[in-house]
Structures are given as C-alpha cells and as structure tokens.
Amino acid sequence: MSHTILIADDEKEIAEILRLYFEKEGYQVIEAGNGREALQLLQEQVVDLVVMDIMMPDMDGLQAIRQIRRTRQLPVILLSAKGQDHDKILGLGMGADDYMTKPFNPLEVVARVQAQLRRTYNWNAAPTAVTVSSPITIGSLTLDAESCSVSRNGAEVTLTSTEFRMLKHFMEHSGRVFTKRQLYEAVWGDIYGGDDNTIMVCISKLRDKIEDDPAHPYLVTIRGLGYKFVKRMGPV
C-alpha cells in the first residue's frame, strides 16, 4: 500500500529534497507552504503522515498541529532549526510524534517516517489468520486495538498515535514496572539514547487525558525505576 505524505515547509529546497527521497521509496507526496495550506489539504485529501516545519508564514507548525490534534490522530513529525530541549518538549507537548532538528540527513527523515508509518498502521494490516483482539477495560478506561480507540467512562478520548501505543503497552501489561529504556524501545521502536524528555512529555500528556483522580492515578511513577499502570476496580 502506498502512503501519502504531506510536507509543510516554506523552504522550497527542503521540500523538494524530501519529495525526492520520499518518492524514491514509493510514497505519494503533496506539499504546503504554511500551516493554513496544510490544514486545507488535510481536509481535501487522504494523508497518512505529516512532515511539518515549525517556522512558517501565515500559520506556523505549532499552530497547525494544535488544530490537527483536535480531530486527527495521524503521525506528525516536526522539523525545526531550534534544537534546544525546551523547543523539543514544546513540540512534543503540542502532539508531535517526533521532532527533528535542521540541518538533517534526508535518509534519517525517511527512516523515521517509515518507523512512524509501521507503528501507526500495522494494526490495520491484513492478518495472516483470523484473529480478533478484544477491547481491554481497566477501571473507567476501555482500549479497543481493532478500532484504535480509547474511551473513559464511555466518552471518547483523543490520543496521538504515540500516546495510543504507550497506553496500549501499559494496559496490556498492567501492574508491570517499565524502565524508561524499556518504554522507549517498546513504544518508539528505536534504541534508547537517554531521551528522557520525550518519554516524560508523553507520560504527562497521557495522564492529562486518562486520569479520573490524580490522587489515585492509573500511571504511577516508581521512583528510581520507571512507571507502571495500576488496575482500578471501576469508574471513580
């Protein structure tokens, strides 16, 4: 299946280089010059992944991703010339699935795009045998891997693809403690390089969306070890 990638960047040279590399891998590519154009294309066409620059005229990447996350869960990779930790934390906190600093190696961008597509869409791949994954219900939370949906007390919870993968991993292994390394390699599928900020931001955003009672959380920090998902008997 050929995926469609939307490149949103006002630097034509960068967009053309990325297009060349993506098309070489068999992807369909569409382009936008700013965040507003990107949002318009998302309404008009089927897009599987967005690669978006942060600094763009009219509407920047952070404004655009805020709009995207109101209705869409497709993976978004942010590009930026700003490489400080607080810039990355801001981008990930807005809902980005990955963050790359300019200048970058186009081959690394392709690799990260391929990884995001595998993680996001492998649930929808045709199975080799007829299998049905039953929804997981713990307390007020229900996660349905077949429809990639999560609800809390019956109301739908909107998660990014990374947040969904993390919650799925926790709920499938409730009660087990995971180190940051184990979480990163299970959820992001890459070798852990000590990127604690990425994990902490994702945990924080996930908590904001799933917790009923902060005094009795599902996601518990085990000091000096990592995190675990605690079973609760029912809605609070």
Protein backbone atom coordinates (compact mmCIF):
# COMPACT_ATOMS: atom_id res chain seq x y z
CA MET A 1 0.00 0.00 0.00
CA SER A 2 1.36 3.42 -0.96
CA HIS A 3 1.10 6.00 1.80
CA THR A 4 0.60 9.72 1.22
CA ILE A 5 2.91 12.16 2.98
CA LEU A 6 2.18 15.86 3.37
CA ILE A 7 5.27 18.08 3.52
CA ALA A 8 4.56 21.51 5.03
CA ASP A 9 7.60 23.78 4.68
CA ASP A 10 8.06 27.25 3.22
CA GLU A 11 11.64 26.43 2.17
CA LYS A 12 11.15 25.04 -1.33
CA GLU A 13 14.61 23.48 -1.46
CA ILE A 14 13.95 21.38 1.64
CA ALA A 15 10.51 20.34 0.42
CA GLU A 16 11.90 19.27 -2.94
CA ILE A 17 14.72 17.25 -1.38
CA LEU A 18 12.29 15.45 0.91
CA ARG A 19 9.90 14.84 -2.00
CA LEU A 20 12.73 13.26 -4.00
CA TYR A 21 13.64 10.88 -1.18
CA PHE A 22 10.03 10.00 -0.31
CA GLU A 23 9.04 9.32 -3.91
CA LYS A 24 12.11 7.14 -4.31
CA GLU A 25 10.64 4.96 -1.53
CA GLY A 26 7.29 4.79 -3.34
CA TYR A 27 5.32 7.31 -1.28
CA GLN A 28 2.83 9.79 -2.70
CA VAL A 29 3.78 13.38 -1.77
CA ILE A 30 1.80 16.60 -1.52
CA GLU A 31 3.18 19.97 -0.41
CA ALA A 32 2.04 23.01 1.55
CA GLY A 33 3.87 26.29 2.09
CA ASN A 34 2.43 27.04 5.54
CA GLY A 35 0.21 25.62 8.25
CA ARG A 36 -3.00 27.02 6.81
CA GLU A 37 -2.39 25.36 3.46
CA ALA A 38 -1.56 22.12 5.25
CA LEU A 39 -4.87 22.15 7.13
CA GLN A 40 -6.74 22.77 3.88
CA LEU A 41 -5.01 19.83 2.17
CA LEU A 42 -5.82 17.59 5.13
CA GLN A 43 -9.49 18.36 4.58
CA GLU A 44 -9.34 17.72 0.84
CA GLN A 45 -7.11 14.64 0.60
CA VAL A 46 -6.32 11.42 2.43
CA VAL A 47 -2.99 11.91 4.21
CA ASP A 48 -1.18 9.26 6.23
CA LEU A 49 1.62 11.33 7.77
CA VAL A 50 2.69 14.97 8.01
CA VAL A 51 6.25 16.29 7.99
CA MET A 52 5.96 19.91 9.11
CA ASP A 53 8.36 22.78 9.68
CA ILE A 54 7.69 24.92 12.74
CA MET A 55 8.72 28.36 11.42
CA MET A 56 6.36 29.17 8.54
CA PRO A 57 4.47 32.33 7.49
CA ASP A 58 0.73 32.89 7.97
CA MET A 59 0.35 29.89 10.33
CA ASP A 60 3.34 28.15 11.90
CA GLY A 61 3.72 24.44 12.57
CA LEU A 62 2.80 24.63 16.25
CA GLN A 63 -0.47 26.42 15.49
CA ALA A 64 -1.21 23.88 12.77
CA ILE A 65 -0.53 20.83 14.93
CA ARG A 66 -2.80 22.25 17.63
CA GLN A 67 -5.60 22.36 15.04
CA ILE A 68 -4.76 18.89 13.69
CA ARG A 69 -4.90 17.27 17.13
CA ARG A 70 -8.45 18.48 17.69
CA THR A 71 -9.73 15.98 15.14
CA ARG A 72 -6.90 13.79 13.79
CA GLN A 73 -4.51 11.18 15.17
CA LEU A 74 -2.23 10.73 12.15
CA PRO A 75 1.52 10.89 12.90
CA VAL A 76 3.21 14.29 12.67
CA ILE A 77 6.97 14.85 12.54
CA LEU A 78 8.09 18.39 13.29
CA LEU A 79 11.16 19.99 11.68
CA SER A 80 12.92 22.95 13.26
CA ALA A 81 16.19 24.86 13.30
CA LYS A 82 15.69 25.13 17.06
CA GLY A 83 17.30 22.19 18.81
CA GLN A 84 17.13 23.14 22.48
CA ASP A 85 15.42 20.75 24.89
CA HIS A 86 12.61 23.20 25.69
CA ASP A 87 11.82 23.55 21.97
CA LYS A 88 11.56 19.77 21.60
CA ILE A 89 9.44 19.49 24.75
CA LEU A 90 7.09 22.18 23.43
CA GLY A 91 6.69 20.45 20.08
CA LEU A 92 6.12 17.02 21.60
CA GLY A 93 3.76 18.55 24.14
CA MET A 94 1.67 20.01 21.33
CA GLY A 95 1.13 16.48 19.99
CA ALA A 96 4.05 15.80 17.64
CA ASP A 97 5.12 12.17 17.35
CA ASP A 98 8.73 13.03 16.55
CA TYR A 99 10.98 16.10 16.33
CA MET A 100 13.98 16.59 14.05
CA THR A 101 16.47 19.45 14.08
CA LYS A 102 17.68 21.15 10.91
CA PRO A 103 20.03 20.53 9.19
CA PHE A 104 19.18 16.85 8.93
CA ASN A 105 20.10 13.83 6.87
CA PRO A 106 17.20 13.11 4.46
CA LEU A 107 17.84 9.38 4.89
CA GLU A 108 17.18 9.74 8.62
CA VAL A 109 13.91 11.56 7.88
CA VAL A 110 12.89 8.68 5.61
CA ALA A 111 13.78 6.15 8.31
CA ARG A 112 11.73 7.99 10.91
CA VAL A 113 8.79 8.32 8.53
CA GLN A 114 8.91 4.60 7.81
CA ALA A 115 9.03 3.83 11.54
CA GLN A 116 6.01 6.05 12.26
CA LEU A 117 4.02 4.51 9.41
CA ARG A 118 4.79 0.98 10.64
CA ARG A 119 3.78 1.80 14.19
CA THR A 120 0.63 3.69 13.25
CA TYR A 121 -0.83 1.50 10.54
CA ASN A 122 0.32 -2.04 11.31
CA TRP A 123 -2.88 -2.61 13.32
CA ASN A 124 -4.81 -2.19 10.09
CA ALA A 125 -2.67 -4.59 8.07
CA ALA A 126 -4.34 -7.74 6.78
CA PRO A 127 -3.75 -10.54 9.33
CA THR A 128 -2.33 -13.87 8.27
CA ALA A 129 -5.00 -15.61 10.33
CA VAL A 130 -8.43 -14.61 11.55
CA THR A 131 -7.82 -13.02 14.93
CA VAL A 132 -9.97 -10.65 16.93
CA SER A 133 -8.44 -8.58 19.71
CA SER A 134 -10.94 -7.99 22.49
CA PRO A 135 -11.15 -4.50 24.00
CA ILE A 136 -9.23 -4.04 27.24
CA THR A 137 -11.18 -2.45 30.10
CA ILE A 138 -9.46 -1.34 33.29
CA GLY A 139 -11.38 0.90 35.64
CA SER A 140 -13.08 3.63 33.63
CA LEU A 141 -10.81 3.10 30.62
CA THR A 142 -11.52 0.94 27.58
CA LEU A 143 -8.98 0.48 24.79
CA ASP A 144 -10.01 -1.15 21.51
CA ALA A 145 -6.96 -2.08 19.44
CA GLU A 146 -9.12 -3.07 16.44
CA SER A 147 -10.54 0.44 16.04
CA CYS A 148 -7.56 2.21 17.64
CA SER A 149 -9.93 3.96 20.04
CA VAL A 150 -9.95 4.76 23.76
CA SER A 151 -12.85 5.80 25.95
CA ARG A 152 -13.09 6.96 29.56
CA ASN A 153 -16.43 6.47 31.33
CA GLY A 154 -17.91 5.89 27.86
CA ALA A 155 -16.62 9.17 26.38
CA GLU A 156 -14.06 9.02 23.59
CA VAL A 157 -10.53 10.13 24.46
CA THR A 158 -8.48 11.64 21.64
CA LEU A 159 -4.88 10.42 21.70
CA THR A 160 -1.95 10.87 19.37
CA SER A 161 -0.61 7.69 17.78
CA THR A 162 2.33 7.66 20.22
CA GLU A 163 0.06 8.15 23.23
CA PHE A 164 -2.16 5.32 21.99
CA ARG A 165 0.79 2.96 21.62
CA MET A 166 2.04 3.81 25.08
CA LEU A 167 -1.36 3.32 26.72
CA LYS A 168 -1.86 0.05 24.84
CA HIS A 169 1.52 -1.18 26.05
CA PHE A 170 0.71 -0.25 29.65
CA MET A 171 -2.80 -1.73 29.65
CA GLU A 172 -1.62 -4.97 28.08
CA HIS A 173 0.96 -5.30 30.87
CA SER A 174 -0.83 -3.68 33.80
CA GLY A 175 0.98 -4.00 37.11
CA ARG A 176 4.40 -4.40 35.49
CA VAL A 177 7.09 -1.77 36.02
CA PHE A 178 8.79 -0.48 32.88
CA THR A 179 12.05 1.47 32.82
CA LYS A 180 12.38 4.46 30.52
CA ARG A 181 14.59 2.39 28.24
CA GLN A 182 12.01 -0.40 28.02
CA LEU A 183 9.21 2.09 27.31
CA TYR A 184 11.15 3.93 24.64
CA GLU A 185 12.18 0.80 22.79
CA ALA A 186 8.65 -0.70 23.02
CA VAL A 187 6.70 2.44 22.05
CA TRP A 188 9.07 4.27 19.71
CA GLY A 189 10.75 1.14 18.37
CA ASP A 190 14.22 2.70 18.46
CA ILE A 191 17.32 2.15 20.55
CA TYR A 192 17.10 4.28 23.69
CA GLY A 193 19.60 7.15 23.68
CA GLY A 194 18.76 8.66 27.06
CA ASP A 195 15.99 10.90 25.67
CA ASP A 196 14.08 11.25 28.95
CA ASN A 197 12.25 14.42 27.82
CA THR A 198 10.37 12.60 25.07
CA ILE A 199 9.10 9.96 27.49
CA MET A 200 8.23 12.41 30.26
CA VAL A 201 6.24 14.65 27.91
CA CYS A 202 4.27 11.69 26.54
CA ILE A 203 3.56 10.38 30.06
CA SER A 204 2.42 13.83 31.18
CA LYS A 205 0.08 14.32 28.20
CA LEU A 206 -1.32 10.82 28.63
CA ARG A 207 -2.03 11.43 32.31
CA ASP A 208 -3.89 14.64 31.47
CA LYS A 209 -6.21 12.66 29.19
CA ILE A 210 -6.89 9.43 31.11
CA GLU A 211 -6.76 10.15 34.82
CA ASP A 212 -10.03 10.44 36.75
CA ASP A 213 -8.48 11.19 40.12
CA PRO A 214 -4.88 12.47 40.34
CA ALA A 215 -4.75 11.22 43.93
CA HIS A 216 -5.33 7.66 42.67
CA PRO A 217 -3.72 7.56 39.22
CA TYR A 218 -3.54 4.75 36.70
CA LEU A 219 0.00 5.72 35.68
CA VAL A 220 2.25 5.55 38.71
CA THR A 221 5.86 6.71 38.89
CA ILE A 222 8.12 4.21 40.65
CA ARG A 223 10.94 6.42 41.84
CA GLY A 224 14.32 5.29 40.58
CA LEU A 225 12.81 2.56 38.40
CA GLY A 226 10.21 3.80 35.92
CA TYR A 227 6.44 3.62 35.52
CA LYS A 228 3.62 1.13 35.85
CA PHE A 229 -0.10 1.02 35.06
CA VAL A 230 -2.21 0.20 38.13
CA LYS A 231 -5.51 -1.66 37.87
CA ARG A 232 -8.55 0.01 39.38
CA MET A 233 -11.89 -1.61 40.03
CA GLY A 234 -14.19 0.82 38.23
CA PRO A 235 -15.13 4.42 37.44
CA VAL A 236 -14.45 6.96 40.15
